[in-house]
Protein backbone atom coordinates (compact mmCIF):
# COMPACT_ATOMS: atom_id res chain seq x y z
CA MET A 1 -0.13 0.30 0.32
CA LEU A 2 1.62 2.96 -0.95
CA PHE A 3 -0.58 5.38 1.58
CA ASP A 4 -2.12 4.04 4.74
CA GLU A 5 -3.29 7.68 5.60
CA GLY A 6 -7.41 7.52 6.26
CA LEU A 7 -8.82 9.53 3.89
CA PRO A 8 -11.54 12.43 3.99
CA HIS A 9 -14.87 11.63 3.89
CA LEU A 10 -16.49 13.41 0.59
CA ASP A 11 -20.12 14.88 0.19
CA GLU A 12 -21.09 13.65 -3.13
CA HIS A 13 -23.24 16.81 -3.49
CA ALA A 14 -20.81 19.39 -2.78
CA GLY A 15 -19.07 20.80 -6.28
CA TYR A 16 -16.79 23.60 -7.17
CA ARG A 17 -17.52 26.57 -10.05
CA GLY A 18 -15.43 26.13 -13.31
CA PRO A 19 -13.60 28.58 -12.12
CA THR A 20 -12.94 27.09 -9.03
CA ALA A 21 -11.89 23.69 -10.50
CA CYS A 22 -9.47 25.45 -12.84
CA LYS A 23 -7.68 27.54 -9.66
CA ALA A 24 -7.38 23.67 -7.95
CA ALA A 25 -6.24 22.21 -11.15
CA GLY A 26 -3.87 24.67 -12.08
CA ILE A 27 -5.50 25.05 -15.80
CA THR A 28 -7.31 27.51 -18.00
CA TYR A 29 -11.23 27.72 -18.07
CA ARG A 30 -10.86 26.68 -22.01
CA GLN A 31 -9.03 23.78 -20.98
CA LEU A 32 -12.49 22.71 -18.28
CA ASP A 33 -14.53 23.61 -21.18
CA TYR A 34 -12.88 21.68 -23.82
CA TRP A 35 -12.76 18.83 -21.46
CA ALA A 36 -16.15 18.92 -20.46
CA ARG A 37 -17.67 19.43 -23.95
CA THR A 38 -15.39 16.22 -25.41
CA GLY A 39 -16.28 14.07 -22.50
CA LEU A 40 -12.68 13.99 -21.13
CA VAL A 41 -13.67 15.38 -17.83
CA VAL A 42 -17.30 15.44 -17.35
CA PRO A 43 -18.21 17.48 -13.55
CA THR A 44 -20.42 14.52 -11.98
CA VAL A 45 -22.03 16.96 -9.24
CA ARG A 46 -23.91 19.88 -11.96
CA GLY A 47 -23.89 19.67 -15.79
CA ALA A 48 -24.84 23.04 -17.62
CA HIS A 49 -28.02 22.44 -19.24
CA GLY A 50 -29.44 25.42 -20.28
CA SER A 51 -28.87 29.14 -20.35
CA GLY A 52 -27.35 30.50 -16.74
CA SER A 53 -26.90 26.86 -15.74
CA GLN A 54 -22.94 26.04 -13.96
CA ARG A 55 -21.30 23.30 -13.81
CA LEU A 56 -20.53 21.75 -10.38
CA TYR A 57 -17.15 19.73 -10.45
CA SER A 58 -16.84 17.03 -7.53
CA PHE A 59 -13.23 16.59 -5.54
CA ARG A 60 -12.57 13.63 -8.07
CA ASP A 61 -13.19 15.48 -10.55
CA ILE A 62 -11.11 18.06 -9.32
CA LEU A 63 -8.22 15.48 -9.43
CA VAL A 64 -8.78 13.66 -12.26
CA LEU A 65 -8.61 16.83 -14.24
CA GLN A 66 -5.52 17.24 -11.93
CA VAL A 67 -3.52 14.22 -12.93
CA VAL A 68 -4.60 14.78 -16.92
CA LYS A 69 -3.07 18.44 -16.48
CA ARG A 70 -0.27 16.92 -14.93
CA LEU A 71 0.15 14.09 -18.02
CA LEU A 72 -0.31 16.81 -20.21
CA ASP A 73 2.94 18.60 -19.22
CA THR A 74 4.73 15.19 -19.60
CA GLY A 75 3.86 14.95 -23.41
CA VAL A 76 1.30 12.53 -22.75
CA SER A 77 -1.17 12.21 -26.13
CA LEU A 78 -4.69 13.39 -25.19
CA GLN A 79 -5.82 9.56 -27.03
CA GLN A 80 -3.41 8.25 -23.87
CA ILE A 81 -5.13 10.22 -21.77
CA ARG A 82 -8.40 9.39 -22.48
CA THR A 83 -7.63 5.84 -21.62
CA ALA A 84 -6.16 6.27 -18.39
CA VAL A 85 -8.98 8.71 -17.72
CA SER A 86 -12.14 5.85 -18.48
CA THR A 87 -10.21 3.40 -16.06
CA LEU A 88 -10.02 5.88 -13.01
CA ARG A 89 -13.60 6.14 -13.71
CA GLU A 90 -13.94 2.38 -13.01
CA ARG A 91 -12.49 2.81 -9.89
CA GLY A 92 -13.48 3.99 -6.54
CA VAL A 93 -12.64 7.07 -4.96
CA GLU A 94 -10.89 5.26 -2.24
CA ASP A 95 -8.65 3.16 -4.31
CA LEU A 96 -7.72 6.41 -6.40
CA ALA A 97 -4.91 7.10 -3.40
CA GLN A 98 -3.65 3.20 -4.06
CA ILE A 99 -2.81 4.22 -7.62
CA THR A 100 0.48 5.07 -9.68
CA LEU A 101 0.51 6.18 -13.02
CA MET A 102 3.76 5.45 -14.31
CA SER A 103 4.75 6.41 -18.24
CA ASP A 104 7.42 6.29 -20.60
CA GLY A 105 5.77 9.11 -22.40
CA ALA A 106 3.82 7.23 -25.13
CA SER A 107 1.78 4.85 -22.74
CA VAL A 108 0.30 4.98 -18.95
CA TYR A 109 1.00 2.15 -16.79
CA GLU A 110 -1.07 1.84 -13.58
CA CYS A 111 0.64 0.55 -10.48
CA THR A 112 -0.56 -0.60 -7.10
CA SER A 113 1.72 -1.32 -5.20
CA ALA A 114 5.85 -1.21 -5.45
CA GLU A 115 6.59 -3.70 -6.74
CA GLU A 116 4.58 -2.42 -10.31
CA VAL A 117 6.37 0.22 -10.52
CA ILE A 118 9.82 -0.76 -9.61
CA ASP A 119 9.22 -3.61 -11.98
CA LEU A 120 8.15 -0.88 -14.52
CA VAL A 121 11.56 1.17 -13.77
CA GLN A 122 13.76 -2.01 -14.75
CA GLY A 123 11.87 -3.47 -17.26
CA GLY A 124 12.72 0.79 -18.73
CA GLN A 125 9.09 1.40 -19.59
CA GLY A 126 8.68 3.65 -16.78
CA VAL A 127 10.02 7.25 -16.80
CA PHE A 128 8.19 9.25 -14.95
CA GLY A 129 5.14 8.66 -12.23
CA ILE A 130 2.29 10.47 -11.30
CA ALA A 131 1.33 8.54 -7.33
CA VAL A 132 -2.71 9.66 -7.45
CA GLY A 133 -2.42 9.96 -3.23
CA LYS A 134 0.16 12.77 -3.51
CA VAL A 135 -2.37 14.83 -6.42
CA TRP A 136 -5.10 14.04 -3.98
CA ARG A 137 -2.94 15.46 -1.17
CA ASP A 138 -2.60 18.39 -2.87
CA VAL A 139 -6.19 19.05 -4.41
CA GLU A 140 -7.18 18.56 -0.89
CA ALA A 141 -4.88 21.42 0.14
CA SER A 142 -5.23 23.89 -2.67
CA ILE A 143 -9.40 23.52 -1.72
CA LEU A 144 -9.48 24.12 1.54
CA GLU A 145 -10.08 27.85 0.99
CA LEU A 146 -12.19 28.14 -2.21
CA PRO A 147 -15.73 28.01 -2.14
CA VAL A 148 -18.04 25.14 -2.27
CA GLU A 149 -21.53 24.65 -3.50
CA ARG A 150 -24.67 21.85 -2.65
CA ALA A 151 -26.57 20.61 -5.67
CA ALA A 152 -30.37 21.62 -5.02
CA ARG A 153 -32.35 18.44 -5.51
CA ASP A 154 -34.05 19.99 -8.38
CA GLU A 155 -30.22 20.52 -9.56
CA GLU A 156 -29.37 16.24 -9.28
CA GLN A 157 -31.98 14.82 -11.49
CA ASP A 158 -30.26 13.97 -15.04
CA PHE A 159 -31.40 17.12 -17.27
CA PRO A 160 -31.68 20.05 -14.43
CA GLN A 161 -33.32 23.04 -15.60
CA ASP A 162 -32.12 26.70 -15.16
CA GLU A 163 -34.58 29.16 -13.71
CA LEU A 164 -35.62 30.24 -17.00
CA ALA A 165 -36.24 26.97 -18.62
CA ARG A 166 -38.41 26.69 -15.00
CA ARG A 167 -40.66 29.20 -15.85
CA ARG A 168 -41.37 28.58 -19.09
CA ALA A 169 -42.44 24.98 -18.34
CA ALA A 170 -44.45 26.41 -15.78
CA ARG A 171 -46.13 29.10 -17.97
CA SER A 172 -46.79 26.09 -20.40
CA ALA A 173 -48.32 23.79 -17.98
CA SER A 174 -50.84 26.73 -17.13
């Protein structure tokens, strides 16, 4: 086990607006918007549906954003990053802290033990690694002072409505 510290309980309905997520992950809003529109990292607390609605990103989303940024910074292709993100999505939050992502610049490898990391390095495949648990701690520290929001009950539906859409629906129902 790479990290044996207890992980904090995460509120699934707490989220961070786009600019806050950008600041915590160290990315631009343009990157965030592009990644959301292309499905690379989509907000899980609340997506943008309709005019005036705001995306809300969970802690886990910001963690994945930070991992994507680090992989991009080291030259990994967007195609390989998409594969790595897909693997991260399949895991529970607690499992993420146990993963070290290794890359040779072309491929991304998932390691869950120190032995796997050593095997990759000795085999000449791993050039750099990203300990997701370390990224977890970095993101956790960066969002401590940033504003958090809770998604309202009507926003937790699959297709939430903004205020204008609710008014239109109420008007057409009358």
